[in-house]
Amino acid sequence: MPSKVDLGKRYTCFQCGKGFYDLNRPDPVCPKCGADQRDDPTPDPRVAVMSKYKTSSKPVKPTVSAAYDKDLDDDVEVVDDEVDVDVDDDDDDLPVDADI
């Protein structure tokens, strides 16, 4: 079996995902689908690796439309949290204890 150096550069096809070596040929073409790897839209290998692990089954963050916000604002009733309390400063109502 030839060494990996003799096989050339290793590629993972950006279209079909098949791994292959270019066998030191000038054109790195996928043997499965025929895609030229120089046309790769994501030449950064980290992007290609991370795309494998990203799934579309992630929970989608719900977005609120402007019309929905407007409907919520119409239904909201503003309640005043402050309570008006009459504070009577007159001490006339209290019995005076002279023994204190």
N, C-alpha and C. Protein backbone atom coordinates (compact mmCIF):
# COMPACT_ATOMS: atom_id res chain seq x y z
N MET A 1 0.85 -1.18 0.00
CA MET A 1 0.00 0.00 0.00
C MET A 1 0.89 1.24 0.00
N PRO A 2 0.59 2.21 -0.86
CA PRO A 2 1.40 3.42 -0.92
C PRO A 2 1.21 4.28 0.33
N SER A 3 2.24 5.06 0.65
CA SER A 3 2.12 5.94 1.81
C SER A 3 1.18 7.09 1.48
N LYS A 4 0.73 7.76 2.53
CA LYS A 4 -0.21 8.86 2.33
C LYS A 4 0.42 10.02 1.58
N VAL A 5 1.72 10.16 1.68
CA VAL A 5 2.41 11.22 0.96
C VAL A 5 2.29 10.99 -0.54
N ASP A 6 2.36 9.73 -0.97
CA ASP A 6 2.27 9.38 -2.39
C ASP A 6 0.86 9.57 -2.93
N LEU A 7 -0.12 9.54 -2.05
CA LEU A 7 -1.52 9.67 -2.49
C LEU A 7 -1.90 11.12 -2.78
N GLY A 8 -1.12 12.06 -2.33
CA GLY A 8 -1.43 13.46 -2.58
C GLY A 8 -2.19 14.08 -1.42
N LYS A 9 -2.91 15.13 -1.73
CA LYS A 9 -3.65 15.87 -0.72
C LYS A 9 -5.02 15.23 -0.50
N ARG A 10 -5.44 15.19 0.77
CA ARG A 10 -6.74 14.61 1.10
C ARG A 10 -7.82 15.68 0.98
N TYR A 11 -8.93 15.31 0.40
CA TYR A 11 -10.08 16.21 0.23
C TYR A 11 -11.33 15.52 0.77
N THR A 12 -12.28 16.32 1.15
CA THR A 12 -13.64 15.87 1.41
C THR A 12 -14.52 16.69 0.48
N CYS A 13 -15.23 16.03 -0.38
CA CYS A 13 -16.01 16.72 -1.39
C CYS A 13 -17.05 17.63 -0.75
N PHE A 14 -17.12 18.86 -1.24
CA PHE A 14 -18.07 19.82 -0.69
C PHE A 14 -19.49 19.56 -1.16
N GLN A 15 -19.68 18.75 -2.21
CA GLN A 15 -21.02 18.46 -2.70
C GLN A 15 -21.59 17.16 -2.12
N CYS A 16 -20.81 16.10 -2.17
CA CYS A 16 -21.34 14.79 -1.74
C CYS A 16 -20.76 14.31 -0.42
N GLY A 17 -19.66 14.90 0.03
CA GLY A 17 -19.08 14.52 1.32
C GLY A 17 -18.12 13.35 1.26
N LYS A 18 -17.85 12.81 0.10
CA LYS A 18 -16.93 11.68 -0.05
C LYS A 18 -15.49 12.13 0.18
N GLY A 19 -14.76 11.36 0.95
CA GLY A 19 -13.35 11.63 1.18
C GLY A 19 -12.51 10.96 0.10
N PHE A 20 -11.50 11.67 -0.37
CA PHE A 20 -10.63 11.09 -1.41
C PHE A 20 -9.30 11.82 -1.42
N TYR A 21 -8.31 11.20 -2.04
CA TYR A 21 -7.00 11.81 -2.27
C TYR A 21 -6.93 12.23 -3.73
N ASP A 22 -6.21 13.32 -4.00
CA ASP A 22 -6.13 13.79 -5.39
C ASP A 22 -5.09 13.05 -6.22
N LEU A 23 -4.31 12.14 -5.61
CA LEU A 23 -3.30 11.33 -6.29
C LEU A 23 -2.30 12.21 -7.05
N ASN A 24 -2.02 13.39 -6.49
CA ASN A 24 -1.07 14.35 -7.04
C ASN A 24 -1.43 14.82 -8.44
N ARG A 25 -2.70 14.77 -8.77
CA ARG A 25 -3.17 15.27 -10.07
C ARG A 25 -3.36 16.78 -9.97
N PRO A 26 -3.28 17.49 -11.08
CA PRO A 26 -3.43 18.95 -11.04
C PRO A 26 -4.86 19.39 -10.72
N ASP A 27 -5.83 18.58 -11.10
CA ASP A 27 -7.23 18.94 -10.85
C ASP A 27 -7.81 18.03 -9.78
N PRO A 28 -8.13 18.56 -8.60
CA PRO A 28 -8.74 17.72 -7.56
C PRO A 28 -10.24 17.54 -7.83
N VAL A 29 -10.57 16.46 -8.52
CA VAL A 29 -11.96 16.18 -8.91
C VAL A 29 -12.47 15.00 -8.10
N CYS A 30 -13.66 15.13 -7.56
CA CYS A 30 -14.26 14.06 -6.76
C CYS A 30 -14.55 12.85 -7.65
N PRO A 31 -14.12 11.64 -7.25
CA PRO A 31 -14.38 10.47 -8.07
C PRO A 31 -15.85 10.05 -8.04
N LYS A 32 -16.60 10.47 -7.06
CA LYS A 32 -18.00 10.06 -6.94
C LYS A 32 -18.93 10.96 -7.76
N CYS A 33 -18.82 12.29 -7.55
CA CYS A 33 -19.78 13.18 -8.22
C CYS A 33 -19.13 14.05 -9.30
N GLY A 34 -17.81 14.09 -9.37
CA GLY A 34 -17.13 14.85 -10.40
C GLY A 34 -16.97 16.34 -10.11
N ALA A 35 -17.22 16.77 -8.88
CA ALA A 35 -17.09 18.19 -8.54
C ALA A 35 -15.63 18.57 -8.38
N ASP A 36 -15.27 19.69 -9.00
CA ASP A 36 -13.91 20.21 -8.87
C ASP A 36 -13.80 20.90 -7.52
N GLN A 37 -12.85 20.49 -6.71
CA GLN A 37 -12.73 20.99 -5.35
C GLN A 37 -12.19 22.42 -5.29
N ARG A 38 -11.66 22.92 -6.37
CA ARG A 38 -11.23 24.32 -6.41
C ARG A 38 -12.42 25.26 -6.47
N ASP A 39 -13.60 24.75 -6.81
CA ASP A 39 -14.82 25.56 -6.87
C ASP A 39 -15.56 25.57 -5.52
N ASP A 40 -14.92 25.05 -4.50
CA ASP A 40 -15.53 24.96 -3.18
C ASP A 40 -15.92 26.36 -2.67
N PRO A 41 -17.20 26.58 -2.35
CA PRO A 41 -17.62 27.90 -1.86
C PRO A 41 -17.13 28.18 -0.44
N THR A 42 -16.75 27.15 0.31
CA THR A 42 -16.24 27.32 1.67
C THR A 42 -14.85 26.73 1.75
N PRO A 43 -13.83 27.46 1.32
CA PRO A 43 -12.48 26.90 1.32
C PRO A 43 -11.88 26.72 2.71
N ASP A 44 -12.45 27.37 3.73
CA ASP A 44 -11.95 27.22 5.09
C ASP A 44 -12.38 25.85 5.60
N PRO A 45 -11.46 24.95 5.91
CA PRO A 45 -11.84 23.61 6.33
C PRO A 45 -12.64 23.58 7.63
N ARG A 46 -12.45 24.58 8.47
CA ARG A 46 -13.21 24.61 9.73
C ARG A 46 -14.70 24.80 9.46
N VAL A 47 -15.02 25.56 8.41
CA VAL A 47 -16.43 25.78 8.06
C VAL A 47 -17.05 24.48 7.58
N ALA A 48 -16.31 23.72 6.76
CA ALA A 48 -16.83 22.47 6.24
C ALA A 48 -17.04 21.45 7.35
N VAL A 49 -16.12 21.40 8.31
CA VAL A 49 -16.25 20.46 9.42
C VAL A 49 -17.44 20.82 10.30
N MET A 50 -17.59 22.10 10.59
CA MET A 50 -18.69 22.53 11.46
C MET A 50 -20.05 22.33 10.79
N SER A 51 -20.12 22.39 9.48
CA SER A 51 -21.39 22.19 8.80
C SER A 51 -21.88 20.75 8.96
N LYS A 52 -20.95 19.81 9.18
CA LYS A 52 -21.35 18.42 9.43
C LYS A 52 -22.12 18.29 10.73
N TYR A 53 -21.69 19.04 11.72
CA TYR A 53 -22.26 18.89 13.06
C TYR A 53 -23.48 19.77 13.31
N LYS A 54 -23.73 20.71 12.43
CA LYS A 54 -24.91 21.54 12.58
C LYS A 54 -26.11 20.75 12.08
N THR A 55 -27.17 20.80 12.86
CA THR A 55 -28.39 20.10 12.45
C THR A 55 -29.51 21.09 12.30
N SER A 56 -30.46 20.73 11.51
CA SER A 56 -31.61 21.61 11.32
C SER A 56 -32.69 21.34 12.37
N SER A 57 -32.43 20.41 13.29
CA SER A 57 -33.42 20.08 14.30
C SER A 57 -33.27 20.93 15.55
N LYS A 58 -32.45 21.99 15.48
CA LYS A 58 -32.31 22.88 16.62
C LYS A 58 -33.62 23.62 16.84
N PRO A 59 -33.97 23.89 18.09
CA PRO A 59 -35.19 24.65 18.32
C PRO A 59 -35.05 26.06 17.75
N VAL A 60 -36.09 26.47 17.09
CA VAL A 60 -36.08 27.78 16.45
C VAL A 60 -36.61 28.80 17.44
N LYS A 61 -35.88 29.89 17.59
CA LYS A 61 -36.29 30.94 18.50
C LYS A 61 -37.52 31.62 17.89
N PRO A 62 -38.61 31.69 18.62
CA PRO A 62 -39.81 32.30 18.05
C PRO A 62 -39.60 33.81 17.86
N THR A 63 -40.09 34.29 16.75
CA THR A 63 -40.01 35.71 16.48
C THR A 63 -41.40 36.30 16.64
N VAL A 64 -41.43 37.50 17.09
CA VAL A 64 -42.70 38.18 17.31
C VAL A 64 -42.85 39.23 16.23
N SER A 65 -43.96 39.17 15.53
CA SER A 65 -44.17 40.14 14.47
C SER A 65 -44.69 41.44 15.05
N ALA A 66 -44.60 42.49 14.28
CA ALA A 66 -45.05 43.80 14.73
C ALA A 66 -46.55 43.80 14.97
N ALA A 67 -47.31 43.08 14.14
CA ALA A 67 -48.76 43.02 14.32
C ALA A 67 -49.11 42.31 15.62
N TYR A 68 -48.33 41.30 15.96
CA TYR A 68 -48.57 40.58 17.21
C TYR A 68 -48.29 41.48 18.39
N ASP A 69 -47.22 42.26 18.32
CA ASP A 69 -46.90 43.21 19.39
C ASP A 69 -48.02 44.21 19.58
N LYS A 70 -48.57 44.69 18.47
CA LYS A 70 -49.63 45.69 18.54
C LYS A 70 -50.86 45.11 19.20
N ASP A 71 -51.18 43.86 18.88
CA ASP A 71 -52.34 43.21 19.50
C ASP A 71 -52.13 43.05 21.00
N LEU A 72 -50.93 42.73 21.41
CA LEU A 72 -50.65 42.58 22.83
C LEU A 72 -50.78 43.91 23.56
N ASP A 73 -50.31 44.98 22.93
CA ASP A 73 -50.39 46.28 23.57
C ASP A 73 -51.82 46.74 23.75
N ASP A 74 -52.71 46.36 22.83
CA ASP A 74 -54.10 46.76 22.95
C ASP A 74 -54.80 46.04 24.11
N ASP A 75 -54.38 44.82 24.41
CA ASP A 75 -55.05 44.03 25.44
C ASP A 75 -54.49 44.29 26.84
N VAL A 76 -53.39 44.99 26.93
CA VAL A 76 -52.76 45.19 28.23
C VAL A 76 -53.44 46.35 28.94
N GLU A 77 -53.81 46.11 30.19
CA GLU A 77 -54.42 47.16 31.00
C GLU A 77 -53.37 47.62 32.00
N VAL A 78 -53.10 48.89 32.01
CA VAL A 78 -52.10 49.44 32.90
C VAL A 78 -52.75 49.66 34.25
N VAL A 79 -52.12 49.11 35.27
CA VAL A 79 -52.64 49.21 36.63
C VAL A 79 -51.66 50.05 37.43
N ASP A 80 -52.20 51.02 38.17
CA ASP A 80 -51.35 51.89 38.99
C ASP A 80 -51.02 51.14 40.27
N ASP A 81 -49.72 50.91 40.49
CA ASP A 81 -49.29 50.17 41.67
C ASP A 81 -49.28 51.02 42.93
N GLU A 82 -49.30 52.32 42.78
CA GLU A 82 -49.27 53.18 43.95
C GLU A 82 -50.63 53.18 44.63
N VAL A 83 -50.60 53.13 45.93
CA VAL A 83 -51.83 53.16 46.72
C VAL A 83 -51.85 54.49 47.46
N ASP A 84 -52.93 55.22 47.26
CA ASP A 84 -53.06 56.50 47.97
C ASP A 84 -53.53 56.22 49.39
N VAL A 85 -52.74 56.63 50.34
CA VAL A 85 -53.07 56.43 51.74
C VAL A 85 -53.10 57.80 52.39
N ASP A 86 -54.22 58.10 53.07
CA ASP A 86 -54.30 59.35 53.81
C ASP A 86 -53.61 59.14 55.15
N VAL A 87 -52.60 59.90 55.36
CA VAL A 87 -51.91 59.83 56.64
C VAL A 87 -52.41 61.01 57.47
N ASP A 88 -53.04 60.68 58.57
CA ASP A 88 -53.59 61.71 59.43
C ASP A 88 -52.56 62.00 60.52
N ASP A 89 -52.09 63.20 60.53
CA ASP A 89 -51.07 63.57 61.50
C ASP A 89 -51.67 63.95 62.86
N ASP A 90 -52.97 63.95 62.97
CA ASP A 90 -53.59 64.31 64.24
C ASP A 90 -53.44 63.17 65.22
N ASP A 91 -52.93 63.46 66.39
CA ASP A 91 -52.81 62.46 67.44
C ASP A 91 -53.99 62.54 68.40
N ASP A 92 -55.05 63.21 67.99
CA ASP A 92 -56.21 63.38 68.85
C ASP A 92 -56.94 62.07 69.08
N ASP A 93 -56.86 61.15 68.15
CA ASP A 93 -57.62 59.92 68.25
C ASP A 93 -56.98 58.93 69.24
N LEU A 94 -55.73 59.11 69.54
CA LEU A 94 -55.02 58.19 70.40
C LEU A 94 -55.14 58.62 71.87
N PRO A 95 -55.35 57.65 72.76
CA PRO A 95 -55.42 58.02 74.19
C PRO A 95 -54.02 58.37 74.68
N VAL A 96 -53.96 59.33 75.50
CA VAL A 96 -52.68 59.78 76.05
C VAL A 96 -52.51 59.11 77.39
N ASP A 97 -51.42 58.42 77.55
CA ASP A 97 -51.14 57.73 78.82
C ASP A 97 -50.10 58.57 79.56
N ALA A 98 -50.47 59.14 80.64
CA ALA A 98 -49.59 60.06 81.37
C ALA A 98 -48.58 59.31 82.20
N ASP A 99 -48.71 57.99 82.38
CA ASP A 99 -47.83 57.25 83.23
C ASP A 99 -46.52 56.88 82.54
N ILE A 100 -46.38 57.11 81.37
CA ILE A 100 -45.18 56.71 80.63
C ILE A 100 -44.02 57.56 80.94
